[in-house]
Protein backbone atom coordinates (compact mmCIF):
# COMPACT_ATOMS: atom_id res chain seq x y z
CA MET A 1 -36.26 37.82 -8.43
CA LEU A 2 -38.01 34.56 -9.36
CA ASP A 3 -35.60 33.99 -12.23
CA THR A 4 -32.67 34.43 -9.85
CA ILE A 5 -34.09 31.88 -7.41
CA LEU A 6 -34.82 29.41 -10.22
CA GLY A 7 -31.32 29.89 -11.60
CA LEU A 8 -29.87 29.22 -8.17
CA LEU A 9 -31.92 26.06 -7.78
CA ARG A 10 -30.87 24.79 -11.24
CA SER A 11 -27.20 25.27 -10.31
CA THR A 12 -27.38 23.03 -7.24
CA GLY A 13 -26.02 19.51 -7.11
CA ILE A 14 -29.50 18.28 -6.23
CA ALA A 15 -30.88 19.61 -9.52
CA GLU A 16 -28.02 17.95 -11.42
CA LEU A 17 -28.82 14.60 -9.81
CA ALA A 18 -32.55 15.00 -10.39
CA ALA A 19 -31.97 15.69 -14.08
CA ASP A 20 -29.94 12.51 -14.59
CA PRO A 21 -31.39 9.36 -12.92
CA GLU A 22 -28.38 7.25 -13.94
CA LEU A 23 -26.01 9.72 -12.28
CA LEU A 24 -28.22 9.71 -9.19
CA ILE A 25 -28.04 5.91 -8.86
CA LYS A 26 -24.27 5.82 -9.39
CA THR A 27 -23.71 8.63 -6.92
CA LEU A 28 -25.81 6.90 -4.27
CA ILE A 29 -23.81 3.69 -4.79
CA MET A 30 -20.59 5.64 -4.32
CA TYR A 31 -21.97 7.14 -1.11
CA VAL A 32 -22.67 3.62 0.15
CA ILE A 33 -19.05 2.64 -0.61
CA VAL A 34 -17.86 5.77 1.18
CA GLY A 35 -20.02 4.84 4.15
CA VAL A 36 -18.54 1.33 4.28
CA LEU A 37 -14.97 2.68 4.23
CA ILE A 38 -15.75 5.21 6.95
CA TYR A 39 -17.37 2.45 9.02
CA LEU A 40 -14.27 0.27 8.68
CA ALA A 41 -12.04 3.20 9.63
CA VAL A 42 -14.02 4.70 12.51
CA VAL A 43 -15.94 1.79 14.03
CA LYS A 44 -13.70 -1.18 13.21
CA LYS A 45 -10.51 0.93 13.38
CA PHE A 46 -9.05 -0.76 10.30
CA GLU A 47 -6.16 1.51 9.18
CA PRO A 48 -8.17 4.68 9.98
CA MET A 49 -5.35 7.07 9.07
CA LEU A 50 -5.41 5.65 5.54
CA LEU A 51 -9.02 4.69 4.90
CA LEU A 52 -10.63 7.82 6.35
CA PRO A 53 -8.82 10.34 4.06
CA ILE A 54 -9.43 8.06 1.06
CA ALA A 55 -13.12 7.74 1.89
CA PHE A 56 -13.56 11.49 2.30
CA GLY A 57 -11.69 12.09 -0.95
CA MET A 58 -14.17 9.76 -2.66
CA LEU A 59 -17.01 11.73 -1.10
CA LEU A 60 -15.61 15.03 -2.41
CA ALA A 61 -15.13 13.57 -5.89
CA ASN A 62 -18.78 12.49 -6.04
CA LEU A 63 -20.39 15.78 -5.04
CA PRO A 64 -22.23 16.89 -8.20
CA GLY A 65 -21.14 20.32 -9.39
CA ALA A 66 -18.22 20.67 -6.95
CA GLU A 67 -15.62 20.13 -9.71
CA LEU A 68 -12.78 19.58 -7.25
CA MET A 69 -11.01 16.90 -9.30
CA HIS A 70 -10.51 16.59 -13.06
CA MET A 71 -8.74 13.34 -13.83
CA ASP A 72 -8.64 14.11 -17.54
CA LEU A 73 -5.97 16.75 -16.82
CA PHE A 74 -3.54 14.00 -15.84
CA LEU A 75 -4.13 11.27 -18.42
CA GLY A 76 -2.06 12.60 -21.32
CA GLU A 77 1.44 11.40 -22.15
CA LYS A 78 2.86 14.66 -20.81
CA LEU A 79 1.60 16.63 -17.83
CA ASP A 80 0.47 20.14 -18.79
CA LEU A 81 1.06 22.12 -15.60
CA THR A 82 -0.25 25.34 -17.13
CA ARG A 83 -3.56 23.67 -17.92
CA VAL A 84 -3.78 22.15 -14.43
CA ILE A 85 -3.22 25.57 -12.84
CA GLN A 86 -5.74 27.29 -15.11
CA GLU A 87 -8.49 24.67 -15.15
CA GLY A 88 -7.89 22.58 -12.04
CA GLY A 89 -9.70 22.53 -8.72
CA LEU A 90 -8.33 22.21 -5.21
CA ILE A 91 -7.75 18.45 -5.31
CA ASP A 92 -6.13 18.72 -8.75
CA TYR A 93 -3.40 20.75 -7.09
CA LEU A 94 -3.04 18.20 -4.28
CA TYR A 95 -2.97 15.38 -6.83
CA LEU A 96 0.18 16.84 -8.38
CA GLY A 97 2.06 15.29 -5.45
CA VAL A 98 0.79 11.88 -6.58
CA LYS A 99 1.34 12.46 -10.29
CA LEU A 100 4.90 13.66 -9.75
CA GLY A 101 5.70 10.79 -7.38
CA ILE A 102 6.35 13.08 -4.41
CA TYR A 103 3.93 11.73 -1.79
CA PRO A 104 4.88 8.01 -1.93
CA SER A 105 8.58 8.82 -1.58
CA LEU A 106 7.99 11.22 1.32
CA ILE A 107 5.86 8.60 3.07
CA PHE A 108 8.70 6.11 2.67
CA ILE A 109 11.01 8.52 4.50
CA GLY A 110 8.58 8.42 7.42
CA ILE A 111 8.20 4.64 7.22
CA GLY A 112 11.98 4.26 7.21
CA ALA A 113 12.30 6.49 10.26
CA MET A 114 9.72 4.40 12.12
CA THR A 115 11.11 1.01 11.08
CA ASP A 116 13.60 -1.02 13.07
CA PHE A 117 15.71 -3.10 10.69
CA SER A 118 17.49 -4.88 13.57
CA PRO A 119 15.48 -8.13 13.22
CA LEU A 120 16.39 -8.27 9.54
CA ILE A 121 20.07 -7.51 10.20
CA ALA A 122 20.19 -10.12 12.97
CA ASN A 123 18.53 -12.73 10.76
CA PRO A 124 19.37 -12.02 7.08
CA VAL A 125 17.54 -15.16 5.98
CA SER A 126 14.40 -13.06 6.46
CA LEU A 127 15.21 -11.49 3.08
CA LEU A 128 14.35 -14.81 1.43
CA ILE A 129 10.94 -14.82 3.10
CA GLY A 130 10.33 -11.23 2.00
CA ALA A 131 11.27 -12.24 -1.53
CA GLY A 132 9.00 -15.30 -1.41
CA ALA A 133 6.10 -13.07 -0.35
CA GLN A 134 6.37 -11.19 -3.65
CA LEU A 135 5.03 -14.28 -5.44
CA GLY A 136 1.52 -12.84 -5.56
CA VAL A 137 2.74 -9.72 -7.33
CA PHE A 138 3.99 -11.64 -10.35
CA VAL A 139 1.27 -14.31 -10.32
CA ALA A 140 -1.45 -11.62 -10.36
CA PHE A 141 0.47 -9.74 -13.06
CA SER A 142 0.45 -12.88 -15.22
CA GLY A 143 -3.22 -13.49 -14.44
CA ALA A 144 -4.18 -9.94 -15.41
CA LEU A 145 -2.34 -10.36 -18.72
CA MET A 146 -4.18 -13.59 -19.45
CA ILE A 147 -7.61 -12.06 -18.98
CA GLY A 148 -6.90 -9.15 -21.29
CA PHE A 149 -5.31 -6.27 -19.36
CA ILE A 150 -2.49 -4.47 -21.13
CA PRO A 151 0.98 -5.08 -19.57
CA MET A 152 1.17 -1.69 -17.81
CA ALA A 153 -2.26 -2.11 -16.21
CA ALA A 154 -1.42 -5.71 -15.27
CA ALA A 155 1.76 -4.53 -13.51
CA ALA A 156 -0.19 -1.93 -11.54
CA ILE A 157 -2.74 -4.57 -10.50
CA GLY A 158 -0.05 -7.09 -9.55
CA ILE A 159 1.71 -4.70 -7.19
CA ILE A 160 -1.35 -4.84 -4.90
CA GLY A 161 0.08 -8.18 -3.77
CA GLY A 162 2.94 -6.36 -2.09
CA ALA A 163 0.46 -4.95 0.45
CA ASP A 164 2.13 -1.55 0.25
CA GLY A 165 -0.15 1.38 -0.53
CA PRO A 166 2.49 4.02 -1.43
CA THR A 167 4.26 1.56 -3.73
CA ALA A 168 1.01 0.63 -5.46
CA ILE A 169 0.22 4.32 -5.94
CA LEU A 170 3.66 5.13 -7.35
CA VAL A 171 3.52 2.29 -9.89
CA THR A 172 -0.09 2.95 -10.89
CA LYS A 173 0.28 6.70 -11.35
CA GLN A 174 3.10 6.05 -13.84
CA LEU A 175 1.78 2.99 -15.65
CA ALA A 176 -2.03 3.13 -15.44
CA PRO A 177 -3.27 6.39 -13.85
CA ILE A 178 -6.87 5.79 -14.87
CA LEU A 179 -6.88 2.76 -12.52
CA LEU A 180 -5.48 4.62 -9.53
CA GLY A 181 -8.77 4.80 -7.63
CA PRO A 182 -9.68 1.10 -7.56
CA ILE A 183 -6.06 -0.05 -7.14
CA ALA A 184 -5.34 2.29 -4.23
CA ILE A 185 -8.61 1.44 -2.50
CA ALA A 186 -7.99 -2.30 -2.98
CA ALA A 187 -4.41 -2.05 -1.69
CA TYR A 188 -5.29 -0.09 1.44
CA SER A 189 -8.43 -2.11 2.12
CA TYR A 190 -6.57 -5.41 2.05
CA MET A 191 -3.85 -3.94 4.27
CA ALA A 192 -6.57 -2.99 6.74
CA LEU A 193 -8.18 -6.43 6.55
CA ILE A 194 -4.98 -8.42 7.18
CA PRO A 195 -6.24 -9.74 10.56
CA MET A 196 -9.23 -11.25 8.75
CA ILE A 197 -7.59 -12.43 5.50
CA GLN A 198 -4.33 -14.00 6.62
CA PRO A 199 -5.13 -16.33 9.59
CA PRO A 200 -7.18 -18.92 7.62
CA PHE A 201 -4.32 -19.40 5.14
CA MET A 202 -1.75 -19.44 7.94
CA LYS A 203 -3.59 -22.33 9.57
CA LEU A 204 -4.23 -24.08 6.26
CA LEU A 205 -0.55 -24.17 5.26
CA THR A 206 1.02 -24.97 8.64
CA THR A 207 0.64 -27.79 11.12
CA LYS A 208 -0.17 -27.33 14.80
CA LYS A 209 3.36 -28.49 15.64
CA GLU A 210 4.89 -25.91 13.31
CA ARG A 211 2.77 -23.09 14.72
CA ALA A 212 3.96 -23.95 18.23
CA ILE A 213 7.70 -23.72 17.39
CA VAL A 214 9.51 -21.36 19.78
CA MET A 215 12.33 -19.46 18.06
CA THR A 216 15.53 -18.53 19.87
CA ASN A 217 16.22 -14.89 20.74
CA LEU A 218 17.79 -12.74 18.04
CA ARG A 219 21.35 -11.58 18.57
CA PRO A 220 21.98 -7.93 19.54
CA VAL A 221 22.69 -5.61 16.61
CA SER A 222 25.42 -2.98 16.95
CA ARG A 223 24.98 0.68 16.11
CA VAL A 224 27.58 0.36 13.36
CA GLU A 225 25.52 -2.35 11.68
CA LYS A 226 22.38 -0.23 11.93
CA VAL A 227 24.12 2.75 10.29
CA VAL A 228 25.86 0.75 7.57
CA PHE A 229 22.77 -1.28 6.60
CA PRO A 230 20.67 1.51 4.99
CA ILE A 231 23.68 2.89 3.12
CA VAL A 232 24.78 -0.47 1.72
CA THR A 233 21.19 -1.49 0.90
CA THR A 234 20.60 1.72 -1.04
CA VAL A 235 23.78 1.30 -3.08
CA VAL A 236 23.32 -2.40 -3.82
CA VAL A 237 19.61 -2.31 -4.68
CA CYS A 238 19.72 0.89 -6.71
CA LEU A 239 22.77 -0.20 -8.71
CA ILE A 240 20.94 -3.38 -9.69
CA ILE A 241 17.47 -1.81 -10.17
CA PRO A 242 17.83 1.97 -10.63
CA ASP A 243 14.07 2.44 -10.94
CA ALA A 244 13.70 1.35 -7.31
CA ALA A 245 15.82 4.30 -6.15
CA PRO A 246 12.97 6.71 -5.23
CA LEU A 247 11.34 4.26 -2.83
CA VAL A 248 14.34 2.32 -1.53
CA GLY A 249 16.46 5.46 -1.26
CA CYS A 250 13.84 7.37 0.71
CA LEU A 251 13.09 4.34 2.92
CA MET A 252 16.74 3.94 3.82
CA PHE A 253 17.31 7.68 4.26
CA GLY A 254 14.48 7.80 6.78
CA ASN A 255 15.95 4.82 8.62
CA LEU A 256 19.41 6.42 8.65
CA LEU A 257 17.93 9.54 10.28
CA ASN A 258 16.65 7.31 13.06
CA VAL A 259 19.68 5.10 13.72
CA CYS A 260 22.58 7.50 13.24
CA GLY A 261 21.95 9.11 16.64
CA VAL A 262 22.64 12.71 15.60
CA THR A 263 19.43 13.72 13.78
CA GLU A 264 16.77 13.02 16.39
CA ARG A 265 14.71 16.10 15.50
CA LEU A 266 14.67 15.19 11.81
CA SER A 267 13.75 11.59 12.62
CA LYS A 268 10.85 12.66 14.84
CA THR A 269 9.63 15.09 12.17
CA ALA A 270 9.70 12.33 9.55
CA GLN A 271 7.85 9.94 11.88
CA ASN A 272 5.17 12.43 12.86
CA GLU A 273 4.54 15.76 11.11
CA LEU A 274 5.89 14.80 7.68
CA ILE A 275 4.19 11.44 7.28
CA ASN A 276 0.92 12.66 8.82
CA ILE A 277 0.63 15.69 6.54
CA VAL A 278 1.55 13.74 3.43
CA THR A 279 -0.87 10.92 4.34
CA ILE A 280 -3.73 13.42 4.48
CA PHE A 281 -2.86 14.88 1.07
CA LEU A 282 -2.23 11.47 -0.47
CA GLY A 283 -5.39 9.86 0.90
CA VAL A 284 -7.74 12.66 -0.08
CA SER A 285 -6.28 13.12 -3.57
CA VAL A 286 -6.17 9.37 -4.33
CA GLY A 287 -9.71 8.89 -3.03
CA ALA A 288 -10.85 11.72 -5.28
CA THR A 289 -9.82 9.75 -8.37
CA ALA A 290 -12.65 7.29 -7.61
CA ASN A 291 -15.62 9.11 -9.08
CA ALA A 292 -18.71 7.19 -10.11
CA GLU A 293 -17.93 7.30 -13.83
CA SER A 294 -14.47 5.73 -13.54
CA PHE A 295 -15.06 3.50 -10.50
CA LEU A 296 -18.42 1.83 -11.09
CA ASN A 297 -17.63 -0.63 -13.84
CA PHE A 298 -16.87 -4.31 -14.30
CA GLU A 299 -13.15 -3.58 -14.58
CA THR A 300 -13.09 -2.29 -11.00
CA ILE A 301 -14.63 -5.54 -9.72
CA VAL A 302 -12.00 -7.55 -11.61
CA ILE A 303 -9.20 -5.38 -10.19
CA ILE A 304 -10.45 -5.80 -6.63
CA LEU A 305 -10.72 -9.59 -7.05
CA LEU A 306 -7.28 -9.81 -8.66
CA GLY A 307 -5.88 -7.67 -5.84
CA LEU A 308 -7.31 -10.07 -3.26
CA PHE A 309 -5.88 -13.00 -5.21
CA ALA A 310 -2.47 -11.29 -5.32
CA PHE A 311 -2.52 -10.64 -1.59
CA VAL A 312 -3.52 -14.21 -0.74
CA VAL A 313 -0.84 -15.69 -3.02
CA SER A 314 1.79 -13.37 -1.50
CA THR A 315 0.78 -14.53 1.98
CA CYS A 316 1.02 -18.16 0.89
CA GLY A 317 4.35 -17.52 -0.85
CA GLY A 318 5.84 -16.18 2.36
CA LEU A 319 4.44 -19.06 4.42
CA LEU A 320 5.75 -21.71 2.02
CA THR A 321 9.19 -20.07 1.91
CA ALA A 322 9.30 -20.06 5.71
CA LYS A 323 8.22 -23.73 5.78
CA LEU A 324 11.08 -24.59 3.42
CA LEU A 325 13.57 -22.69 5.59
CA ASN A 326 12.19 -24.45 8.66
CA LEU A 327 12.90 -27.78 6.97
CA LEU A 328 16.41 -26.73 5.93
CA THR A 329 17.27 -25.45 9.43
CA GLY A 330 16.02 -28.56 11.20
CA GLY A 331 12.87 -27.02 12.67
CA LYS A 332 14.29 -23.74 13.98
CA ILE A 333 11.96 -21.36 12.11
CA ASN A 334 8.27 -21.00 12.87
CA PRO A 335 6.56 -20.86 9.44
CA LEU A 336 3.99 -18.38 10.77
CA ILE A 337 6.52 -15.57 10.37
CA GLY A 338 6.30 -16.14 6.62
CA SER A 339 2.91 -14.43 6.43
CA ALA A 340 4.63 -11.24 7.61
CA GLY A 341 6.64 -11.19 4.38
CA VAL A 342 4.03 -8.88 2.89
CA SER A 343 5.07 -5.30 3.57
CA ALA A 344 2.18 -4.13 5.77
CA VAL A 345 4.33 -3.00 8.72
CA PRO A 346 3.77 -3.83 11.55
CA MET A 347 0.26 -5.28 11.26
CA ALA A 348 1.34 -8.44 9.42
CA ALA A 349 3.97 -9.15 12.10
CA ARG A 350 1.35 -8.67 14.81
CA VAL A 351 -0.90 -11.22 13.10
CA SER A 352 1.97 -13.74 13.12
CA GLN A 353 2.39 -13.09 16.84
CA MET A 354 -1.35 -13.42 17.47
CA VAL A 355 -1.75 -16.74 15.65
CA GLY A 356 1.42 -18.14 17.21
CA GLN A 357 0.32 -17.32 20.75
CA LYS A 358 -3.01 -19.05 20.23
CA GLU A 359 -1.09 -22.29 19.68
CA ASN A 360 1.54 -21.64 22.35
CA PRO A 361 0.96 -18.83 24.89
CA ALA A 362 4.69 -18.81 25.68
CA ASN A 363 5.58 -18.08 22.06
CA PHE A 364 6.71 -14.56 21.15
CA LEU A 365 7.13 -14.24 17.40
CA LEU A 366 6.74 -10.47 16.97
CA MET A 367 10.41 -9.53 16.63
CA HIS A 368 11.15 -12.61 14.50
CA ALA A 369 8.22 -11.68 12.22
CA MET A 370 9.46 -8.10 11.92
CA GLY A 371 12.46 -9.38 9.93
CA PRO A 372 10.36 -10.73 7.03
CA ASN A 373 7.99 -7.78 7.46
CA VAL A 374 10.61 -5.11 6.78
CA ALA A 375 12.16 -7.37 4.13
CA GLY A 376 8.75 -7.27 2.47
CA VAL A 377 8.89 -3.47 2.35
CA ILE A 378 12.19 -3.69 0.50
CA GLY A 379 10.83 -6.50 -1.67
CA SER A 380 7.75 -4.56 -2.75
CA ALA A 381 9.90 -1.54 -3.61
CA VAL A 382 12.18 -3.77 -5.68
CA SER A 383 9.16 -5.34 -7.43
CA ALA A 384 7.92 -1.85 -8.23
CA GLY A 385 11.35 -0.98 -9.64
CA VAL A 386 11.26 -4.08 -11.83
CA PHE A 387 7.86 -3.15 -13.29
CA LEU A 388 8.89 0.45 -13.84
CA SER A 389 12.08 -0.65 -15.60
CA TRP A 390 10.02 -2.89 -17.87
CA PHE A 391 7.20 -0.57 -18.79
CA ALA A 392 7.79 3.06 -17.76
């Protein structure tokens, strides 16, 4: 009886931690990080639907002895499904949706169904702002190369600048899966912190007069234009960059479900049940890749700093592009909408509105900012396609 009790005690996670002081310290640090993410999600309400599943996935991955996630099953050149089924735990099975690129594409269907492309259609110049906001992606990619990251890892780090979690996950799982934990956490954290990160740079790069510019109302967009836009965009983008097809195609398919007027049930499913279920699976499985062994190292710190740098440069790239367009149009464009060129929809557009109204309470920039915002979604997907075509 005593031997049975002792055997039971030795098999506990507590005994495993007690036997390895280094593991104990690392695990406690990971629990602190989990606590911070949960605090940001629950108390501060920063992207709770994203950060909370990721945080709990991290918690599950750092429970000694639970063996829910085995990242080594997914790091080979070819995925061995038989081995995953035989040796994997619960989260290994969920992670297959990440490894096979299923979750990001399904989430893009939901994003497309929830997104109104009318501001972009009414003001096509917004595409230039969305393109300018991809500057951070390629600057951070170059920076990562210069400090010693291999090209595939550098591409995965650079895509953080697009401020698009699903896109960052899709690129990373194909090019640098071992970095998925820190890259996903950095991407979603910076998306959540947009209201804190962007305003100082918005004020730094614009004058008070520019921030007070009132833009004229956008023209009405016809139903025909709304239906034709996702079809034409899919064809044009995917013919030029075929590797962007999974993201751009799913984004535009979701939008077509919404605007065509005959698939309301499918559109509502994509906007609600589909995206909610997939977000849970994606968040938990991605968070579970961040165990103490792979996450707590100097490389993770560098990735998080490079991700912040990429995001800041992308914000500045959008602002500077909008300033140039304002100059070319004779002062008709408020440069603040440039910060919305990153693809965090609709939070980045709301920040443009917030900063603009502080300068001029009669200013309503939200719909104008939504043009660059949705252009940024397309831009980040195209940037991902470019990297995948280069390195995948």
